[in-house]
Amino acid sequence: MDTDNRYGTLAMQKRLLALLKAFHQLCVANNIKYSLDWGSLLGAVRH
């Protein structure tokens, strides 16, 4: 059984990753430095 799909984890990771990509583009366009420390967005990238 695919637990990522069963609990909706994979779908949530994809949405969070899309949000992070949009945030990254905004920061690059405005020369804003940022870093990821912990939490769901970092997990979305890591997994």
PDB file of N, CA and C in Angstrom:
ATOM      1  N   MET A   1       0.843  -1.186   0.000  1.00  0.00           N
ATOM      2  CA  MET A   1       0.000   0.000   0.000  1.00  0.00           C
ATOM      3  C   MET A   1       0.885   1.246   0.000  1.00  0.00           C
ATOM      4  N   ASP A   2       0.504   2.213  -0.773  1.00  0.00           N
ATOM      5  CA  ASP A   2       1.248   3.472  -0.858  1.00  0.00           C
ATOM      6  C   ASP A   2       0.706   4.437   0.188  1.00  0.00           C
ATOM      7  N   THR A   3       1.380   4.526   1.335  1.00  0.00           N
ATOM      8  CA  THR A   3       0.893   5.362   2.427  1.00  0.00           C
ATOM      9  C   THR A   3       0.915   6.844   2.063  1.00  0.00           C
ATOM     10  N   ASP A   4       1.830   7.259   1.165  1.00  0.00           N
ATOM     11  CA  ASP A   4       1.847   8.670   0.761  1.00  0.00           C
ATOM     12  C   ASP A   4       0.532   9.067   0.117  1.00  0.00           C
ATOM     13  N   ASN A   5      -0.002   8.220  -0.733  1.00  0.00           N
ATOM     14  CA  ASN A   5      -1.258   8.536  -1.394  1.00  0.00           C
ATOM     15  C   ASN A   5      -2.458   8.287  -0.494  1.00  0.00           C
ATOM     16  N   ARG A   6      -2.358   7.277   0.346  1.00  0.00           N
ATOM     17  CA  ARG A   6      -3.477   6.938   1.239  1.00  0.00           C
ATOM     18  C   ARG A   6      -3.818   8.110   2.158  1.00  0.00           C
ATOM     19  N   TYR A   7      -2.816   8.758   2.682  1.00  0.00           N
ATOM     20  CA  TYR A   7      -3.046   9.854   3.620  1.00  0.00           C
ATOM     21  C   TYR A   7      -2.970  11.230   2.962  1.00  0.00           C
ATOM     22  N   GLY A   8      -2.772  11.274   1.661  1.00  0.00           N
ATOM     23  CA  GLY A   8      -2.723  12.548   0.958  1.00  0.00           C
ATOM     24  C   GLY A   8      -1.403  13.274   1.108  1.00  0.00           C
ATOM     25  N   THR A   9      -0.393  12.603   1.645  1.00  0.00           N
ATOM     26  CA  THR A   9       0.900  13.241   1.894  1.00  0.00           C
ATOM     27  C   THR A   9       1.559  13.682   0.600  1.00  0.00           C
ATOM     28  N   LEU A  10       1.548  12.841  -0.410  1.00  0.00           N
ATOM     29  CA  LEU A  10       2.197  13.162  -1.675  1.00  0.00           C
ATOM     30  C   LEU A  10       1.553  14.386  -2.324  1.00  0.00           C
ATOM     31  N   ALA A  11       0.245  14.458  -2.306  1.00  0.00           N
ATOM     32  CA  ALA A  11      -0.461  15.609  -2.882  1.00  0.00           C
ATOM     33  C   ALA A  11      -0.102  16.888  -2.121  1.00  0.00           C
ATOM     34  N   MET A  12      -0.035  16.806  -0.807  1.00  0.00           N
ATOM     35  CA  MET A  12       0.312  17.977  -0.004  1.00  0.00           C
ATOM     36  C   MET A  12       1.745  18.411  -0.284  1.00  0.00           C
ATOM     37  N   GLN A  13       2.656  17.455  -0.401  1.00  0.00           N
ATOM     38  CA  GLN A  13       4.051  17.787  -0.707  1.00  0.00           C
ATOM     39  C   GLN A  13       4.149  18.496  -2.053  1.00  0.00           C
ATOM     40  N   LYS A  14       3.393  18.041  -3.030  1.00  0.00           N
ATOM     41  CA  LYS A  14       3.420  18.677  -4.350  1.00  0.00           C
ATOM     42  C   LYS A  14       2.906  20.109  -4.280  1.00  0.00           C
ATOM     43  N   ARG A  15       1.838  20.341  -3.509  1.00  0.00           N
ATOM     44  CA  ARG A  15       1.307  21.707  -3.356  1.00  0.00           C
ATOM     45  C   ARG A  15       2.295  22.603  -2.628  1.00  0.00           C
ATOM     46  N   LEU A  16       2.917  22.077  -1.577  1.00  0.00           N
ATOM     47  CA  LEU A  16       3.892  22.870  -0.828  1.00  0.00           C
ATOM     48  C   LEU A  16       5.124  23.180  -1.672  1.00  0.00           C
ATOM     49  N   LEU A  17       5.544  22.218  -2.481  1.00  0.00           N
ATOM     50  CA  LEU A  17       6.694  22.444  -3.351  1.00  0.00           C
ATOM     51  C   LEU A  17       6.380  23.512  -4.393  1.00  0.00           C
ATOM     52  N   ALA A  18       5.177  23.507  -4.938  1.00  0.00           N
ATOM     53  CA  ALA A  18       4.771  24.549  -5.886  1.00  0.00           C
ATOM     54  C   ALA A  18       4.794  25.923  -5.211  1.00  0.00           C
ATOM     55  N   LEU A  19       4.335  25.980  -3.966  1.00  0.00           N
ATOM     56  CA  LEU A  19       4.365  27.231  -3.207  1.00  0.00           C
ATOM     57  C   LEU A  19       5.796  27.700  -2.979  1.00  0.00           C
ATOM     58  N   LEU A  20       6.675  26.769  -2.622  1.00  0.00           N
ATOM     59  CA  LEU A  20       8.076  27.110  -2.401  1.00  0.00           C
ATOM     60  C   LEU A  20       8.730  27.608  -3.681  1.00  0.00           C
ATOM     61  N   LYS A  21       8.424  26.994  -4.802  1.00  0.00           N
ATOM     62  CA  LYS A  21       8.993  27.430  -6.079  1.00  0.00           C
ATOM     63  C   LYS A  21       8.552  28.852  -6.410  1.00  0.00           C
ATOM     64  N   ALA A  22       7.284  29.167  -6.173  1.00  0.00           N
ATOM     65  CA  ALA A  22       6.785  30.522  -6.414  1.00  0.00           C
ATOM     66  C   ALA A  22       7.479  31.521  -5.480  1.00  0.00           C
ATOM     67  N   PHE A  23       7.647  31.132  -4.218  1.00  0.00           N
ATOM     68  CA  PHE A  23       8.337  31.981  -3.253  1.00  0.00           C
ATOM     69  C   PHE A  23       9.787  32.211  -3.682  1.00  0.00           C
ATOM     70  N   HIS A  24      10.448  31.152  -4.130  1.00  0.00           N
ATOM     71  CA  HIS A  24      11.838  31.250  -4.580  1.00  0.00           C
ATOM     72  C   HIS A  24      11.952  32.221  -5.759  1.00  0.00           C
ATOM     73  N   GLN A  25      11.066  32.107  -6.728  1.00  0.00           N
ATOM     74  CA  GLN A  25      11.083  33.005  -7.882  1.00  0.00           C
ATOM     75  C   GLN A  25      10.896  34.460  -7.459  1.00  0.00           C
ATOM     76  N   LEU A  26      10.010  34.682  -6.518  1.00  0.00           N
ATOM     77  CA  LEU A  26       9.781  36.036  -6.002  1.00  0.00           C
ATOM     78  C   LEU A  26      11.045  36.576  -5.333  1.00  0.00           C
ATOM     79  N   CYS A  27      11.688  35.737  -4.526  1.00  0.00           N
ATOM     80  CA  CYS A  27      12.907  36.163  -3.836  1.00  0.00           C
ATOM     81  C   CYS A  27      14.043  36.442  -4.823  1.00  0.00           C
ATOM     82  N   VAL A  28      14.210  35.592  -5.817  1.00  0.00           N
ATOM     83  CA  VAL A  28      15.266  35.792  -6.810  1.00  0.00           C
ATOM     84  C   VAL A  28      15.017  37.087  -7.584  1.00  0.00           C
ATOM     85  N   ALA A  29      13.782  37.310  -7.964  1.00  0.00           N
ATOM     86  CA  ALA A  29      13.440  38.505  -8.737  1.00  0.00           C
ATOM     87  C   ALA A  29      13.689  39.792  -7.951  1.00  0.00           C
ATOM     88  N   ASN A  30      13.611  39.712  -6.617  1.00  0.00           N
ATOM     89  CA  ASN A  30      13.771  40.897  -5.772  1.00  0.00           C
ATOM     90  C   ASN A  30      15.058  40.883  -4.964  1.00  0.00           C
ATOM     91  N   ASN A  31      15.967  39.977  -5.331  1.00  0.00           N
ATOM     92  CA  ASN A  31      17.272  39.873  -4.676  1.00  0.00           C
ATOM     93  C   ASN A  31      17.145  39.728  -3.152  1.00  0.00           C
ATOM     94  N   ILE A  32      16.265  38.819  -2.750  1.00  0.00           N
ATOM     95  CA  ILE A  32      16.031  38.543  -1.327  1.00  0.00           C
ATOM     96  C   ILE A  32      16.668  37.197  -0.990  1.00  0.00           C
ATOM     97  N   LYS A  33      17.533  37.175   0.001  1.00  0.00           N
ATOM     98  CA  LYS A  33      18.154  35.929   0.440  1.00  0.00           C
ATOM     99  C   LYS A  33      17.274  35.280   1.502  1.00  0.00           C
ATOM    100  N   TYR A  34      17.163  33.965   1.440  1.00  0.00           N
ATOM    101  CA  TYR A  34      16.378  33.222   2.422  1.00  0.00           C
ATOM    102  C   TYR A  34      17.011  31.848   2.621  1.00  0.00           C
ATOM    103  N   SER A  35      16.589  31.147   3.647  1.00  0.00           N
ATOM    104  CA  SER A  35      17.044  29.776   3.873  1.00  0.00           C
ATOM    105  C   SER A  35      15.898  28.972   4.470  1.00  0.00           C
ATOM    106  N   LEU A  36      15.942  27.673   4.265  1.00  0.00           N
ATOM    107  CA  LEU A  36      14.960  26.766   4.863  1.00  0.00           C
ATOM    108  C   LEU A  36      15.601  26.136   6.082  1.00  0.00           C
ATOM    109  N   ASP A  37      14.875  26.106   7.168  1.00  0.00           N
ATOM    110  CA  ASP A  37      15.417  25.582   8.411  1.00  0.00           C
ATOM    111  C   ASP A  37      14.741  24.265   8.789  1.00  0.00           C
ATOM    112  N   TRP A  38      13.443  24.260   8.913  1.00  0.00           N
ATOM    113  CA  TRP A  38      12.715  23.055   9.290  1.00  0.00           C
ATOM    114  C   TRP A  38      11.264  23.212   8.866  1.00  0.00           C
ATOM    115  N   GLY A  39      10.543  22.129   8.862  1.00  0.00           N
ATOM    116  CA  GLY A  39       9.119  22.194   8.591  1.00  0.00           C
ATOM    117  C   GLY A  39       8.691  21.508   7.311  1.00  0.00           C
ATOM    118  N   SER A  40       7.449  21.718   6.961  1.00  0.00           N
ATOM    119  CA  SER A  40       6.819  21.017   5.852  1.00  0.00           C
ATOM    120  C   SER A  40       7.433  21.332   4.505  1.00  0.00           C
ATOM    121  N   LEU A  41       7.818  22.584   4.278  1.00  0.00           N
ATOM    122  CA  LEU A  41       8.394  22.925   2.977  1.00  0.00           C
ATOM    123  C   LEU A  41       9.732  22.247   2.778  1.00  0.00           C
ATOM    124  N   LEU A  42      10.545  22.202   3.803  1.00  0.00           N
ATOM    125  CA  LEU A  42      11.815  21.508   3.691  1.00  0.00           C
ATOM    126  C   LEU A  42      11.593  20.021   3.441  1.00  0.00           C
ATOM    127  N   GLY A  43      10.623  19.455   4.108  1.00  0.00           N
ATOM    128  CA  GLY A  43      10.287  18.050   3.887  1.00  0.00           C
ATOM    129  C   GLY A  43       9.799  17.787   2.478  1.00  0.00           C
ATOM    130  N   ALA A  44       9.050  18.726   1.919  1.00  0.00           N
ATOM    131  CA  ALA A  44       8.566  18.573   0.547  1.00  0.00           C
ATOM    132  C   ALA A  44       9.721  18.530  -0.428  1.00  0.00           C
ATOM    133  N   VAL A  45      10.741  19.316  -0.189  1.00  0.00           N
ATOM    134  CA  VAL A  45      11.917  19.320  -1.057  1.00  0.00           C
ATOM    135  C   VAL A  45      12.741  18.058  -0.818  1.00  0.00           C
ATOM    136  N   ARG A  46      12.935  17.714   0.439  1.00  0.00           N
ATOM    137  CA  ARG A  46      13.778  16.564   0.793  1.00  0.00           C
ATOM    138  C   ARG A  46      13.194  15.267   0.267  1.00  0.00           C
ATOM    139  N   HIS A  47      11.890  15.107   0.291  1.00  0.00           N
ATOM    140  CA  HIS A  47      11.261  13.836  -0.110  1.00  0.00           C
ATOM    141  C   HIS A  47      10.704  13.951  -1.492  1.00  0.00           C
TER     142      HIS A  47
END
